[in-house]
């Protein structure tokens, strides 16, 4: 059997992360959907229905695009916006005919027999639309299910705390704590510490209100406090006196200090110093300078709107932070508005309140103004930053950044008033 992950027409509502990532690559709880699929079906080949600009990058990471030639065996399709649990994955494959699984009027999965795959591939030509789903529903039987599915990036933030707890129950509850916990650290409740990790003296890991899951080779510095539910990815360092509050997921190889609440850091990013990050989603290879702080609540307590190049969206929530794309850099003293967006390779420095929507590859400050960030300099910086973590800016990743630069040209022109 093959596993096929797809993203649909709603990918724009996961901006700016989806400029460089497929929806199914975004972290929710402890894992993204690729990691979930590999966990439950480790023998399956994973293929993708994805936008053309992401295919080369995903192929280089072992996830090739689905084609009409991949029709010789059974397939499990999973909506990239879905967050299936252990029992859901089992249910999806217990079918004798091609079946759509529907939750809240949304197709979340498809079990497909080989004889139906060619038609499904034809209908699911990326990105699938509402009409695609109607065509599938007219052709194949449906089963109702109860699977969590999001429709925008701010919804991920608001289910993250619960999802960490569910991931603990489904995946991590039997994990052995093999890390080294100092005798003067305070660790209680549902806490798991992976092999090679170190919990320093006077650190507090409080799993009484929700699990604290610490991956492998993590360093928890003295006097850091982590309140569950929380997830800390492999190779990450939590700085002294950091306050990692409930509902926070931090991906691999990050450096995190200050206060973080109900936020997700995709991975490989730095928030080394004091400052506050709340109800936010931060991409990869981002650097947040000292005292960078985002707002996540309006003074009048009204619901927050998110501004993107695709429109201004009503979130339905009164707590929403900032969404930051890959390779963005924020100087010391940066203030970020609630519902704000910062694009890929954007640079903001000089302090003060950042613009509500800062497009990709914009460079500047409130005092000196903003200009296009020179593409070659941005590529060079990305290569240096990744090299510092022993990662390579591959030709595919470089091509993707160049593509983002071209595709966001109109965003910058609108920002500059051209």
Foldseek 3Di string as FASTA:
>chain_A
DAEEEEEAPLLQQAPPASLADGLQQFDFQAHGNVVVCCVQCVPHQYEYQYDPLHQVVVVVVRHHHDDLVPQDAKYKYFYSQWDDAPVVVVVQAPDPAWEFEDEPNHGGMITHGSVCVNVLCVLPNPPHDPVSVVVVPVPHYYDYDHIDGDSHNLVSLVCRQVVNQRCCVRPNVPPAAQDAEDPQEAEDAAEHAEALEYADHQEYEACPPHYEYHYHNEYEDHNEYAYPPEYHEAQEYEDHNAYHYYLEYEYHNEADGAYEESEYESYQEYPNEHAYHYSEYHYHQEYAEHHEYWAFADPVLDFDWADDPVGIHGPVHRGHTEYEYDLEYEYHQEYEYGNAYHHHNEYEYDHDYDDRYHYHQWYDYPVPDIDGNPLVVSLVVVQVSQVVVVHGCDPSNSSSSVVSSVVCPVVVCVVVVD
